[in-house]
Protein backbone atom coordinates (compact mmCIF):
# COMPACT_ATOMS: atom_id res chain seq x y z
CA MET A 1 35.54 148.34 -27.31
CA LYS A 2 32.44 148.27 -25.13
CA THR A 3 34.47 146.77 -22.28
CA ASN A 4 37.01 149.61 -22.46
CA ILE A 5 34.25 152.21 -22.21
CA ILE A 6 32.69 150.47 -19.20
CA ILE A 7 36.06 150.21 -17.46
CA SER A 8 36.82 153.88 -18.17
CA VAL A 9 33.47 154.97 -16.75
CA MET A 10 33.96 152.84 -13.63
CA VAL A 11 37.44 154.27 -13.06
CA ALA A 12 36.08 157.82 -13.46
CA ILE A 13 33.31 157.11 -10.94
CA PHE A 14 35.81 155.61 -8.51
CA ILE A 15 38.10 158.65 -8.75
CA ALA A 16 35.14 161.00 -8.27
CA MET A 17 34.09 159.09 -5.15
CA ILE A 18 37.60 159.39 -3.69
CA ILE A 19 37.67 163.14 -4.32
CA ILE A 20 34.23 163.66 -2.81
CA ASN A 21 35.11 161.58 0.25
CA SER A 22 38.35 163.48 0.89
CA CYS A 23 36.48 166.80 0.73
CA ASN A 24 34.04 165.61 3.39
CA VAL A 25 36.85 164.67 5.77
CA SER A 26 38.52 168.09 5.55
CA GLN A 27 35.16 169.81 6.02
CA LYS A 28 34.49 167.79 9.18
CA ILE A 29 37.88 168.76 10.59
CA SER A 30 37.37 172.45 9.87
CA GLU A 31 33.96 172.36 11.60
CA LYS A 32 35.55 171.39 14.93
CA SER A 33 35.98 174.05 17.58
CA GLY A 34 39.33 175.10 18.98
CA ALA A 35 38.53 173.31 22.24
CA GLN A 36 37.76 170.07 20.39
CA LEU A 37 40.92 170.30 18.30
CA TRP A 38 43.01 171.08 21.37
CA GLY A 39 41.61 168.14 23.29
CA GLU A 40 41.87 165.66 20.43
CA THR A 41 45.19 166.78 19.00
CA CYS A 42 47.31 167.78 21.97
CA ILE A 43 46.26 165.10 24.44
CA ARG A 44 47.34 162.38 21.99
CA CYS A 45 50.98 162.88 22.87
CA HIS A 46 51.10 164.44 26.33
CA ASN A 47 49.11 165.92 29.18
CA THR A 48 47.83 169.32 28.23
CA PRO A 49 48.29 172.16 30.68
CA PRO A 50 45.26 174.30 31.52
CA PRO A 51 44.82 177.41 29.35
CA THR A 52 45.77 179.62 32.31
CA SER A 53 49.29 178.14 32.35
CA TYR A 54 50.61 180.49 29.67
CA SER A 55 50.09 184.04 28.44
CA ASP A 56 48.57 184.80 25.03
CA ALA A 57 52.02 185.27 23.49
CA GLN A 58 53.32 182.05 25.02
CA TRP A 59 50.33 180.06 23.72
CA GLN A 60 50.94 181.48 20.24
CA THR A 61 54.54 180.26 20.39
CA VAL A 62 53.68 176.84 21.84
CA VAL A 63 50.92 176.10 19.33
CA THR A 64 52.96 177.40 16.39
CA HIS A 65 55.81 175.08 17.41
CA MET A 66 53.49 172.10 17.82
CA LYS A 67 51.67 172.82 14.54
CA VAL A 68 54.32 170.97 12.55
CA ARG A 69 54.50 167.99 14.92
CA ALA A 70 50.71 167.66 15.11
CA ASN A 71 50.25 168.20 11.37
CA LEU A 72 47.75 171.03 11.91
CA THR A 73 46.44 173.33 9.20
CA ASP A 74 46.63 177.11 9.58
CA GLU A 75 42.89 177.19 10.29
CA GLU A 76 43.15 174.52 13.00
CA THR A 77 46.12 176.30 14.57
CA LYS A 78 44.23 179.59 14.69
CA LYS A 79 41.20 177.93 16.29
CA ILE A 80 43.34 176.32 18.99
CA VAL A 81 45.24 179.54 19.74
CA ASP A 82 41.99 181.54 19.85
CA PHE A 83 40.48 179.02 22.29
CA LEU A 84 43.53 179.01 24.57
CA GLN A 85 43.87 182.80 24.56
CA THR A 86 40.17 183.26 25.29
CA ALA A 87 40.24 180.71 28.10
CA ASN A 88 43.35 182.00 29.87
């Protein structure tokens, strides 16, 4: 009986630690700037063109298309688009 309680408490603590750790990772990602996200995410797969290469509307289309491939959140996508549109 005592062993079952100890195991249950340890499992609960382990689950809580996993949840807390996953929250910290998503918070760190959301704290990144659009420039950081653009550099880290886009350059992984190909050379990134300078922000002046496309118009605001074209950047919106490009980043929206790549959102799925790069597994970006809506917030990350908006930050990248805002950065590119501001820099072009």
